[in-house]
Amino acid sequence: MTPSPGLYVGTIRHRRFSPQAHESQKPVVMAFLDVDRLSELMSVSPLTGYKRSHGAAFSRCDHLGDPARPLRERLRKSASAAGHILPNGPVYLLTQLRREGHVLDPISLFYCYSRAGHLRLVLADVNGANGGRESHWLRPIEDADGFRAVSAKPHDVSPDSDLDYDFTLSPPDGILVARMHVASRGWEPRRRDRLFEMTLTLQQRPWTARAVRTAVLGYPWMTARSRAAAQLETLKQRFNGLSVKGLPRRERDATTV
């Protein structure tokens, strides 16, 4: 059974374990959209659309590939380049929409279903603090509890990297939890060799004009606040001698997510 479009409201938590432990948590509102129904869904409210003036705007430029091409076509091309076949069922995108013309979206997730309603692939589109993007096509590990997949850090991002991204995703229903660990290759959950963890904990809301209005007006200036908080965190790291340039390569790679 496939899910339905909606809003997800909750928190995003970042935890760094090395070289110095640190944790931060921020409120977040994310859209959960059928990529084949974007025009229909973005017309649900006067506050949604494609223009900067809309309170919550979808920009085709915020996602992978050529923005002039349909999103499904871009996904099919990206999946093929990674050695996968895009399933022929619905594809849902979990992402932050633009607010005040800006977006601060550390991760977007594309949930790709078969026609029979089975989740076959997930694309994790990770945006780094340094402006880089990493696309991780995830196929669930057999016999794993829920959807769990491991992806190596791309060689074109860091050729000498020995890091894995370990993703655990709950089904996108009433409560959605998405967790990403950055850890030494071959890490085990019982061992303390994680470097970084990002966790989304979200509750579902319907995709209606009323729910959109509540989310947009109830979380004003969220993007501006998040951007300011990220800049403040960077300044704090530099003040404490933890700037990215001063970290060992393995830990430097982990900070770029």
Protein backbone atom coordinates (compact mmCIF):
# COMPACT_ATOMS: atom_id res chain seq x y z
CA MET A 1 0.00 0.00 0.00
CA THR A 2 1.42 3.38 -1.00
CA PRO A 3 1.16 6.48 1.22
CA SER A 4 -0.61 9.76 0.49
CA PRO A 5 0.79 13.26 -0.02
CA GLY A 6 0.94 15.35 3.12
CA LEU A 7 2.94 17.53 5.45
CA TYR A 8 5.31 16.24 8.08
CA VAL A 9 5.98 18.38 11.14
CA GLY A 10 8.59 17.62 13.80
CA THR A 11 12.29 18.00 14.49
CA ILE A 12 15.66 17.43 12.90
CA ARG A 13 18.46 16.50 15.28
CA HIS A 14 22.19 16.56 14.58
CA ARG A 15 24.64 14.75 16.83
CA ARG A 16 28.40 14.79 16.38
CA PHE A 17 30.41 12.23 18.34
CA SER A 18 33.96 13.09 17.30
CA PRO A 19 36.28 14.87 17.84
CA GLN A 20 34.05 16.60 20.41
CA ALA A 21 30.47 15.60 21.24
CA HIS A 22 27.83 18.11 20.24
CA GLU A 23 24.06 17.99 19.70
CA SER A 24 21.50 20.40 18.25
CA GLN A 25 17.81 20.12 17.43
CA LYS A 26 15.54 22.34 15.34
CA PRO A 27 11.86 22.34 14.33
CA VAL A 28 11.15 21.38 10.75
CA VAL A 29 8.20 21.24 8.35
CA MET A 30 8.56 19.01 5.29
CA ALA A 31 6.33 18.33 2.32
CA PHE A 32 5.61 14.77 1.15
CA LEU A 33 4.73 15.05 -2.54
CA ASP A 34 3.86 12.70 -5.40
CA VAL A 35 6.39 13.71 -8.08
CA ASP A 36 3.84 13.05 -10.84
CA ARG A 37 1.27 15.40 -9.27
CA LEU A 38 3.40 18.41 -8.37
CA SER A 39 1.33 20.99 -10.27
CA GLU A 40 -1.88 19.72 -8.71
CA LEU A 41 -0.45 19.55 -5.20
CA MET A 42 1.23 22.95 -5.29
CA SER A 43 -2.09 24.57 -6.22
CA VAL A 44 -3.79 23.38 -3.02
CA SER A 45 -3.44 26.80 -1.38
CA PRO A 46 -2.63 30.44 -2.29
CA LEU A 47 0.41 29.95 -0.03
CA THR A 48 1.87 27.16 -2.20
CA GLY A 49 3.25 27.30 -5.72
CA TYR A 50 6.43 27.78 -7.71
CA LYS A 51 7.10 31.50 -7.23
CA ARG A 52 9.26 33.23 -4.63
CA SER A 53 6.19 35.14 -3.42
CA HIS A 54 4.48 31.95 -2.26
CA GLY A 55 4.84 31.17 1.44
CA ALA A 56 5.92 27.60 0.60
CA ALA A 57 7.35 27.24 -2.89
CA PHE A 58 8.62 24.22 -4.80
CA SER A 59 11.66 24.89 -7.01
CA ARG A 60 12.73 22.36 -9.61
CA CYS A 61 16.27 23.69 -9.26
CA ASP A 62 16.54 22.33 -5.71
CA HIS A 63 16.71 18.72 -6.87
CA LEU A 64 18.97 16.54 -8.96
CA GLY A 65 19.47 16.78 -12.69
CA ASP A 66 18.26 19.18 -15.35
CA PRO A 67 15.40 21.29 -13.92
CA ALA A 68 13.93 21.59 -17.41
CA ARG A 69 13.19 17.84 -17.42
CA PRO A 70 10.37 16.10 -15.48
CA LEU A 71 11.51 14.93 -12.06
CA ARG A 72 10.67 11.28 -12.74
CA GLU A 73 12.82 11.37 -15.88
CA ARG A 74 15.71 12.80 -13.88
CA LEU A 75 15.29 10.11 -11.25
CA ARG A 76 15.25 7.36 -13.88
CA LYS A 77 18.48 8.67 -15.39
CA SER A 78 20.18 8.96 -11.99
CA ALA A 79 19.04 5.47 -10.93
CA SER A 80 20.30 3.95 -14.18
CA ALA A 81 23.71 5.61 -13.74
CA ALA A 82 23.90 4.01 -10.29
CA GLY A 83 23.00 0.55 -11.63
CA HIS A 84 19.32 0.52 -10.62
CA ILE A 85 15.99 0.41 -12.43
CA LEU A 86 13.49 2.95 -11.18
CA PRO A 87 10.31 1.12 -10.09
CA ASN A 88 7.21 1.82 -12.17
CA GLY A 89 4.97 2.80 -9.26
CA PRO A 90 4.47 6.09 -7.42
CA VAL A 91 7.45 8.16 -6.28
CA TYR A 92 7.12 10.43 -3.25
CA LEU A 93 9.50 13.23 -2.31
CA LEU A 94 10.06 14.24 1.32
CA THR A 95 11.65 17.69 1.27
CA GLN A 96 11.60 21.19 2.67
CA LEU A 97 9.92 23.77 0.48
CA ARG A 98 11.37 27.22 -0.10
CA ARG A 99 10.42 29.84 2.48
CA GLU A 100 10.93 33.54 1.79
CA GLY A 101 12.61 32.43 -1.43
CA HIS A 102 15.29 30.40 0.37
CA VAL A 103 15.73 26.76 1.28
CA LEU A 104 17.93 25.04 3.84
CA ASP A 105 17.38 21.37 3.10
CA PRO A 106 20.08 19.06 4.48
CA ILE A 107 18.39 15.97 3.08
CA SER A 108 15.58 15.07 0.68
CA LEU A 109 14.26 11.52 0.36
CA PHE A 110 12.61 10.01 -2.71
CA TYR A 111 10.52 6.93 -1.85
CA CYS A 112 10.15 4.76 -4.98
CA TYR A 113 7.36 2.15 -5.04
CA SER A 114 6.39 -0.68 -7.32
CA ARG A 115 2.92 -0.72 -8.85
CA ALA A 116 1.99 -3.31 -6.24
CA GLY A 117 2.77 -0.77 -3.49
CA HIS A 118 6.12 -2.13 -2.27
CA LEU A 119 8.94 0.25 -1.39
CA ARG A 120 11.82 -0.86 -3.63
CA LEU A 121 14.31 2.02 -3.68
CA VAL A 122 14.99 5.25 -1.83
CA LEU A 123 17.14 8.10 -3.06
CA ALA A 124 18.75 10.10 -0.27
CA ASP A 125 19.82 13.45 -1.71
CA VAL A 126 22.21 14.88 0.88
CA ASN A 127 23.21 18.53 0.78
CA GLY A 128 26.46 19.34 2.55
CA ALA A 129 27.22 22.43 4.59
CA ASN A 130 29.84 23.36 1.97
CA GLY A 131 27.26 23.41 -0.84
CA GLY A 132 28.07 19.95 -2.23
CA ARG A 133 25.45 17.31 -3.01
CA GLU A 134 25.65 13.54 -2.65
CA SER A 135 23.04 11.19 -4.12
CA HIS A 136 22.72 7.80 -2.42
CA TRP A 137 20.49 5.19 -4.06
CA LEU A 138 19.39 2.81 -1.34
CA ARG A 139 18.14 -0.75 -1.69
CA PRO A 140 17.02 -2.32 1.60
CA ILE A 141 19.23 -4.95 3.19
CA GLU A 142 17.51 -8.33 3.10
CA ASP A 143 16.22 -9.61 6.44
CA ALA A 144 16.85 -6.22 8.06
CA ASP A 145 14.31 -4.89 10.53
CA GLY A 146 12.45 -2.29 8.48
CA PHE A 147 14.17 -0.35 5.68
CA ARG A 148 17.92 -0.23 6.33
CA ALA A 149 20.62 0.41 3.75
CA VAL A 150 24.31 1.29 3.72
CA SER A 151 25.99 3.49 1.14
CA ALA A 152 29.66 4.40 0.83
CA LYS A 153 30.68 8.02 0.67
CA PRO A 154 31.17 8.76 -3.06
CA HIS A 155 34.76 8.64 -4.32
CA ASP A 156 34.24 11.76 -6.40
CA VAL A 157 33.53 13.63 -3.16
CA SER A 158 36.39 12.17 -1.13
CA PRO A 159 38.60 9.61 -2.93
CA ASP A 160 40.37 8.53 0.25
CA SER A 161 37.26 8.33 2.37
CA ASP A 162 36.67 5.23 4.50
CA LEU A 163 33.19 6.25 5.60
CA ASP A 164 29.78 4.60 5.25
CA TYR A 165 26.37 6.23 5.40
CA ASP A 166 23.98 3.96 7.28
CA PHE A 167 20.28 4.78 6.75
CA THR A 168 17.32 3.50 8.76
CA LEU A 169 13.87 4.59 7.55
CA SER A 170 10.45 3.92 8.97
CA PRO A 171 7.43 3.67 6.62
CA PRO A 172 6.05 7.12 5.71
CA ASP A 173 2.77 6.96 7.62
CA GLY A 174 1.49 8.70 10.78
CA ILE A 175 4.95 8.84 12.35
CA LEU A 176 8.03 9.04 10.14
CA VAL A 177 11.55 8.51 11.47
CA ALA A 178 14.59 8.76 9.19
CA ARG A 179 18.06 8.32 10.65
CA MET A 180 21.43 8.62 8.94
CA HIS A 181 24.72 7.65 10.58
CA VAL A 182 28.11 8.58 9.21
CA ALA A 183 30.59 6.03 10.52
CA SER A 184 33.82 4.19 9.87
CA ARG A 185 33.43 1.53 7.19
CA GLY A 186 32.17 -1.74 8.60
CA TRP A 187 30.82 -0.12 11.76
CA GLU A 188 28.54 -2.02 14.12
CA PRO A 189 25.71 -0.47 16.15
CA ARG A 190 27.17 -1.73 19.43
CA ARG A 191 30.51 -0.09 18.79
CA ARG A 192 31.14 3.58 19.42
CA ASP A 193 32.74 4.46 16.11
CA ARG A 194 30.01 6.72 14.77
CA LEU A 195 31.11 10.20 13.77
CA PHE A 196 27.83 11.91 12.97
CA GLU A 197 24.10 11.23 13.16
CA MET A 198 21.11 13.05 11.69
CA THR A 199 17.57 12.11 12.74
CA LEU A 200 14.21 13.29 11.43
CA THR A 201 11.25 12.63 13.74
CA LEU A 202 8.02 13.74 12.09
CA GLN A 203 4.24 13.55 12.45
CA GLN A 204 1.95 13.48 9.44
CA ARG A 205 -0.56 16.18 8.55
CA PRO A 206 -2.97 16.11 5.59
CA TRP A 207 -2.11 18.00 2.42
CA THR A 208 -4.94 20.51 2.64
CA ALA A 209 -5.18 24.29 2.38
CA ARG A 210 -5.89 24.52 6.10
CA ALA A 211 -2.93 22.33 7.11
CA VAL A 212 -0.60 24.25 4.78
CA ARG A 213 -1.78 27.58 6.19
CA THR A 214 -1.22 26.37 9.75
CA ALA A 215 2.27 25.11 8.91
CA VAL A 216 3.34 28.21 7.00
CA LEU A 217 1.95 30.73 9.46
CA GLY A 218 2.80 28.64 12.52
CA TYR A 219 6.48 28.37 11.60
CA PRO A 220 7.32 31.82 10.18
CA TRP A 221 10.91 32.61 9.17
CA MET A 222 11.96 29.01 9.83
CA THR A 223 14.50 28.98 7.02
CA ALA A 224 16.04 32.26 8.13
CA ARG A 225 16.33 31.03 11.71
CA SER A 226 17.83 27.72 10.61
CA ARG A 227 20.35 29.47 8.37
CA ALA A 228 21.32 31.81 11.21
CA ALA A 229 21.67 28.86 13.60
CA ALA A 230 23.92 27.02 11.09
CA GLN A 231 26.13 30.11 10.72
CA LEU A 232 26.33 30.49 14.49
CA GLU A 233 27.32 26.83 14.83
CA THR A 234 30.11 27.33 12.28
CA LEU A 235 31.42 30.30 14.23
CA LYS A 236 31.29 28.31 17.47
CA GLN A 237 33.26 25.46 15.89
CA ARG A 238 35.93 27.85 14.68
CA PHE A 239 36.11 29.55 18.06
CA ASN A 240 36.59 26.17 19.73
CA GLY A 241 39.31 25.13 17.29
CA LEU A 242 37.05 22.65 15.50
CA SER A 243 37.00 24.15 12.03
CA VAL A 244 36.73 21.64 9.23
CA LYS A 245 40.23 22.41 7.95
CA GLY A 246 41.74 21.38 11.26
CA LEU A 247 40.08 17.97 11.46
CA PRO A 248 41.59 14.65 10.41
CA ARG A 249 40.41 13.59 6.95
CA ARG A 250 37.93 11.00 8.21
CA GLU A 251 36.28 13.45 10.61
CA ARG A 252 36.49 16.28 8.07
CA ASP A 253 34.51 14.16 5.61
CA ALA A 254 31.85 13.48 8.22
CA THR A 255 31.24 17.18 8.86
CA THR A 256 30.31 17.92 5.26
CA VAL A 257 26.82 16.38 5.46
